[in-house]
């Protein structure tokens, strides 16, 4: 479940990038990132999840999303025909999706927490990534993003 949600979050980078493309709005949004991390930490405390682990995981989710946005920008600059045709609204169309996925990801982390510290975490993660890549048809940009998003899920790597 964590892998599928991380992949879904990585895929939202396309919409985020499309919303920011051609505007002065930068890919890096420190204030928004802080809000996401603070909310995740508060929710982790409510759920009884290790807050440091949640911060680590969500920092990786944010970094992965930005990596994908940067890769898409580079692709769009090189191939203008692939540039987004429309500009979704960050506040009304993009953030609600990210907020939903983030909430589901916190629940999934809570449920998986005992497994994350076990030796088989890495093998399970590898199988989950392979399944998500195939099921969701992730290209190289998004596979790389997923790798980054899941980089520190298993703390005993």
C-alpha atoms as a PDB file:
ATOM      1  CA  UNK A   1       0.000   0.000   0.000  1.00  0.00           C
ATOM      2  CA  UNK A   2       2.817   2.441   0.852  1.00  0.00           C
ATOM      3  CA  UNK A   3       4.499   1.806  -2.491  1.00  0.00           C
ATOM      4  CA  UNK A   4       1.304   2.348  -4.492  1.00  0.00           C
ATOM      5  CA  UNK A   5       0.590   5.584  -2.625  1.00  0.00           C
ATOM      6  CA  UNK A   6       4.172   6.815  -3.077  1.00  0.00           C
ATOM      7  CA  UNK A   7       3.838   6.060  -6.805  1.00  0.00           C
ATOM      8  CA  UNK A   8       0.522   7.910  -6.938  1.00  0.00           C
ATOM      9  CA  UNK A   9       2.136  10.882  -5.197  1.00  0.00           C
ATOM     10  CA  UNK A  10       5.059  10.788  -7.663  1.00  0.00           C
ATOM     11  CA  UNK A  11       2.573  10.864 -10.539  1.00  0.00           C
ATOM     12  CA  UNK A  12       0.982  14.033  -9.116  1.00  0.00           C
ATOM     13  CA  UNK A  13       4.251  15.797  -9.951  1.00  0.00           C
ATOM     14  CA  UNK A  14       3.024  15.955 -13.555  1.00  0.00           C
ATOM     15  CA  UNK A  15       0.024  18.027 -12.520  1.00  0.00           C
ATOM     16  CA  UNK A  16       2.068  20.152 -10.129  1.00  0.00           C
ATOM     17  CA  UNK A  17       4.614  20.831 -12.874  1.00  0.00           C
ATOM     18  CA  UNK A  18       1.845  21.669 -15.361  1.00  0.00           C
ATOM     19  CA  UNK A  19       0.345  24.103 -12.834  1.00  0.00           C
ATOM     20  CA  UNK A  20       3.682  25.873 -12.382  1.00  0.00           C
ATOM     21  CA  UNK A  21       4.975  25.663 -15.964  1.00  0.00           C
ATOM     22  CA  UNK A  22       5.253  29.060 -17.621  1.00  0.00           C
ATOM     23  CA  UNK A  23       4.602  30.931 -14.383  1.00  0.00           C
ATOM     24  CA  UNK A  24       7.023  32.625 -12.025  1.00  0.00           C
ATOM     25  CA  UNK A  25       6.104  30.056  -9.368  1.00  0.00           C
ATOM     26  CA  UNK A  26       9.235  28.001  -8.560  1.00  0.00           C
ATOM     27  CA  UNK A  27       9.382  24.237  -8.176  1.00  0.00           C
ATOM     28  CA  UNK A  28      10.770  24.655  -4.679  1.00  0.00           C
ATOM     29  CA  UNK A  29       8.097  25.904  -2.294  1.00  0.00           C
ATOM     30  CA  UNK A  30       9.676  25.924   1.189  1.00  0.00           C
ATOM     31  CA  UNK A  31       6.611  27.348   2.947  1.00  0.00           C
ATOM     32  CA  UNK A  32       4.294  24.724   1.431  1.00  0.00           C
ATOM     33  CA  UNK A  33       6.825  21.962   2.143  1.00  0.00           C
ATOM     34  CA  UNK A  34       7.006  23.060   5.789  1.00  0.00           C
ATOM     35  CA  UNK A  35       3.222  22.992   6.015  1.00  0.00           C
ATOM     36  CA  UNK A  36       3.122  19.438   4.623  1.00  0.00           C
ATOM     37  CA  UNK A  37       5.875  18.269   6.993  1.00  0.00           C
ATOM     38  CA  UNK A  38       4.288  19.958  10.030  1.00  0.00           C
ATOM     39  CA  UNK A  39       0.899  18.441   9.223  1.00  0.00           C
ATOM     40  CA  UNK A  40       2.443  15.000   8.733  1.00  0.00           C
ATOM     41  CA  UNK A  41       4.269  15.246  12.070  1.00  0.00           C
ATOM     42  CA  UNK A  42       1.113  16.339  13.891  1.00  0.00           C
ATOM     43  CA  UNK A  43      -0.910  13.528  12.317  1.00  0.00           C
ATOM     44  CA  UNK A  44       1.870  11.044  13.139  1.00  0.00           C
ATOM     45  CA  UNK A  45       1.655  12.091  16.794  1.00  0.00           C
ATOM     46  CA  UNK A  46      -2.117  11.507  16.745  1.00  0.00           C
ATOM     47  CA  UNK A  47      -1.667   8.061  15.199  1.00  0.00           C
ATOM     48  CA  UNK A  48       1.221   7.087  17.461  1.00  0.00           C
ATOM     49  CA  UNK A  49       3.699   6.838  14.592  1.00  0.00           C
ATOM     50  CA  UNK A  50       7.370   7.659  15.017  1.00  0.00           C
ATOM     51  CA  UNK A  51       7.447  11.347  14.034  1.00  0.00           C
ATOM     52  CA  UNK A  52      11.084  11.234  12.941  1.00  0.00           C
ATOM     53  CA  UNK A  53      10.297   8.357  10.568  1.00  0.00           C
ATOM     54  CA  UNK A  54       7.301  10.211   9.139  1.00  0.00           C
ATOM     55  CA  UNK A  55       9.373  13.371   8.653  1.00  0.00           C
ATOM     56  CA  UNK A  56      12.058  11.318   6.878  1.00  0.00           C
ATOM     57  CA  UNK A  57       9.521   9.597   4.632  1.00  0.00           C
ATOM     58  CA  UNK A  58       7.658  12.789   3.765  1.00  0.00           C
ATOM     59  CA  UNK A  59      10.880  14.680   3.034  1.00  0.00           C
ATOM     60  CA  UNK A  60      11.642  11.935   0.520  1.00  0.00           C
ATOM     61  CA  UNK A  61       8.131  12.222  -0.970  1.00  0.00           C
ATOM     62  CA  UNK A  62       8.592  15.968  -1.445  1.00  0.00           C
ATOM     63  CA  UNK A  63      12.101  15.560  -2.890  1.00  0.00           C
ATOM     64  CA  UNK A  64      10.834  12.913  -5.327  1.00  0.00           C
ATOM     65  CA  UNK A  65       8.011  15.155  -6.489  1.00  0.00           C
ATOM     66  CA  UNK A  66      10.441  18.015  -7.118  1.00  0.00           C
ATOM     67  CA  UNK A  67      12.860  15.704  -8.936  1.00  0.00           C
ATOM     68  CA  UNK A  68      10.075  14.617 -11.287  1.00  0.00           C
ATOM     69  CA  UNK A  69       8.985  18.227 -11.833  1.00  0.00           C
ATOM     70  CA  UNK A  70      12.554  19.213 -12.751  1.00  0.00           C
ATOM     71  CA  UNK A  71      12.857  16.260 -15.133  1.00  0.00           C
ATOM     72  CA  UNK A  72       9.554  17.191 -16.766  1.00  0.00           C
ATOM     73  CA  UNK A  73      10.629  20.819 -17.137  1.00  0.00           C
ATOM     74  CA  UNK A  74      13.830  19.654 -18.854  1.00  0.00           C
ATOM     75  CA  UNK A  75      11.825  17.365 -21.125  1.00  0.00           C
ATOM     76  CA  UNK A  76       9.354  20.104 -21.998  1.00  0.00           C
ATOM     77  CA  UNK A  77      12.144  22.567 -22.763  1.00  0.00           C
ATOM     78  CA  UNK A  78      13.777  20.053 -25.061  1.00  0.00           C
ATOM     79  CA  UNK A  79      10.500  18.935 -26.671  1.00  0.00           C
ATOM     80  CA  UNK A  80       8.057  21.879 -26.729  1.00  0.00           C
ATOM     81  CA  UNK A  81       5.329  19.739 -28.314  1.00  0.00           C
ATOM     82  CA  UNK A  82       5.141  17.797 -25.020  1.00  0.00           C
ATOM     83  CA  UNK A  83       4.485  20.905 -22.928  1.00  0.00           C
ATOM     84  CA  UNK A  84       1.209  20.867 -21.013  1.00  0.00           C
ATOM     85  CA  UNK A  85      -1.753  22.296 -22.875  1.00  0.00           C
ATOM     86  CA  UNK A  86      -3.527  23.512 -19.746  1.00  0.00           C
ATOM     87  CA  UNK A  87      -2.636  24.853 -16.341  1.00  0.00           C
ATOM     88  CA  UNK A  88      -4.432  23.143 -13.450  1.00  0.00           C
ATOM     89  CA  UNK A  89      -5.056  25.239 -10.355  1.00  0.00           C
ATOM     90  CA  UNK A  90      -2.731  24.282  -7.508  1.00  0.00           C
ATOM     91  CA  UNK A  91      -5.140  25.239  -4.741  1.00  0.00           C
ATOM     92  CA  UNK A  92      -8.335  23.654  -6.060  1.00  0.00           C
ATOM     93  CA  UNK A  93      -7.168  20.816  -8.320  1.00  0.00           C
ATOM     94  CA  UNK A  94      -3.720  19.716  -7.170  1.00  0.00           C
ATOM     95  CA  UNK A  95      -3.443  20.183  -3.410  1.00  0.00           C
ATOM     96  CA  UNK A  96      -6.640  18.304  -2.590  1.00  0.00           C
ATOM     97  CA  UNK A  97      -5.219  15.263  -4.392  1.00  0.00           C
ATOM     98  CA  UNK A  98      -1.878  15.585  -2.594  1.00  0.00           C
ATOM     99  CA  UNK A  99      -3.651  16.044   0.753  1.00  0.00           C
ATOM    100  CA  UNK A 100      -5.732  12.897   0.150  1.00  0.00           C
ATOM    101  CA  UNK A 101      -2.703  10.829  -0.821  1.00  0.00           C
ATOM    102  CA  UNK A 102      -0.711  12.197   2.133  1.00  0.00           C
ATOM    103  CA  UNK A 103      -3.482  11.211   4.540  1.00  0.00           C
ATOM    104  CA  UNK A 104      -3.693   7.736   3.057  1.00  0.00           C
ATOM    105  CA  UNK A 105       0.088   7.436   3.162  1.00  0.00           C
ATOM    106  CA  UNK A 106       0.120   8.264   6.876  1.00  0.00           C
ATOM    107  CA  UNK A 107      -2.499   5.584   7.512  1.00  0.00           C
ATOM    108  CA  UNK A 108      -0.487   3.082   5.459  1.00  0.00           C
ATOM    109  CA  UNK A 109       2.700   3.929   7.381  1.00  0.00           C
ATOM    110  CA  UNK A 110       0.816   3.448  10.648  1.00  0.00           C
ATOM    111  CA  UNK A 111      -0.441   0.029   9.549  1.00  0.00           C
ATOM    112  CA  UNK A 112       2.948  -1.040   8.166  1.00  0.00           C
ATOM    113  CA  UNK A 113       5.082   0.365  10.981  1.00  0.00           C
ATOM    114  CA  UNK A 114       5.920  -3.012  12.574  1.00  0.00           C
ATOM    115  CA  UNK A 115       6.999  -4.365   9.185  1.00  0.00           C
ATOM    116  CA  UNK A 116       9.194  -1.390   8.324  1.00  0.00           C
ATOM    117  CA  UNK A 117      11.729  -2.329  10.996  1.00  0.00           C
ATOM    118  CA  UNK A 118      11.916  -5.993  10.007  1.00  0.00           C
ATOM    119  CA  UNK A 119      14.720  -7.465   7.896  1.00  0.00           C
ATOM    120  CA  UNK A 120      12.312  -8.437   5.094  1.00  0.00           C
ATOM    121  CA  UNK A 121      11.234  -4.830   4.589  1.00  0.00           C
ATOM    122  CA  UNK A 122      13.709  -4.316   1.769  1.00  0.00           C
ATOM    123  CA  UNK A 123      12.582  -7.431  -0.144  1.00  0.00           C
ATOM    124  CA  UNK A 124       8.921  -6.502   0.268  1.00  0.00           C
ATOM    125  CA  UNK A 125       9.671  -2.980  -0.895  1.00  0.00           C
ATOM    126  CA  UNK A 126      11.476  -4.259  -3.978  1.00  0.00           C
ATOM    127  CA  UNK A 127       8.519  -6.499  -4.933  1.00  0.00           C
ATOM    128  CA  UNK A 128       6.069  -3.692  -4.302  1.00  0.00           C
ATOM    129  CA  UNK A 129       8.049  -1.292  -6.485  1.00  0.00           C
ATOM    130  CA  UNK A 130       8.193  -3.783  -9.346  1.00  0.00           C
ATOM    131  CA  UNK A 131       4.439  -4.354  -9.112  1.00  0.00           C
ATOM    132  CA  UNK A 132       3.677  -0.612  -8.982  1.00  0.00           C
ATOM    133  CA  UNK A 133       5.952   0.165 -11.931  1.00  0.00           C
ATOM    134  CA  UNK A 134       4.201  -2.453 -14.022  1.00  0.00           C
ATOM    135  CA  UNK A 135       0.638  -1.755 -12.883  1.00  0.00           C
ATOM    136  CA  UNK A 136       0.965   2.016 -13.184  1.00  0.00           C
ATOM    137  CA  UNK A 137       3.128   2.047 -16.316  1.00  0.00           C
ATOM    138  CA  UNK A 138       5.821   4.244 -14.793  1.00  0.00           C
ATOM    139  CA  UNK A 139       8.399   5.604 -17.227  1.00  0.00           C
ATOM    140  CA  UNK A 140      12.050   6.253 -16.346  1.00  0.00           C
ATOM    141  CA  UNK A 141      11.337   9.686 -14.851  1.00  0.00           C
ATOM    142  CA  UNK A 142       8.642   8.339 -12.557  1.00  0.00           C
ATOM    143  CA  UNK A 143      10.576   5.155 -11.668  1.00  0.00           C
ATOM    144  CA  UNK A 144      13.449   7.356 -10.563  1.00  0.00           C
ATOM    145  CA  UNK A 145      11.005   9.477  -8.575  1.00  0.00           C
ATOM    146  CA  UNK A 146       9.562   6.379  -6.932  1.00  0.00           C
ATOM    147  CA  UNK A 147      13.047   5.208  -5.984  1.00  0.00           C
ATOM    148  CA  UNK A 148      13.664   8.583  -4.346  1.00  0.00           C
ATOM    149  CA  UNK A 149      10.260   8.567  -2.636  1.00  0.00           C
ATOM    150  CA  UNK A 150      10.950   5.176  -1.068  1.00  0.00           C
ATOM    151  CA  UNK A 151      14.654   5.676  -0.371  1.00  0.00           C
ATOM    152  CA  UNK A 152      14.316   5.620   3.417  1.00  0.00           C
ATOM    153  CA  UNK A 153      11.113   3.671   4.021  1.00  0.00           C
ATOM    154  CA  UNK A 154      13.067   0.741   5.494  1.00  0.00           C
ATOM    155  CA  UNK A 155      15.284   2.366   8.133  1.00  0.00           C
ATOM    156  CA  UNK A 156      17.609  -0.644   8.378  1.00  0.00           C
ATOM    157  CA  UNK A 157      18.796  -0.520   4.753  1.00  0.00           C
END
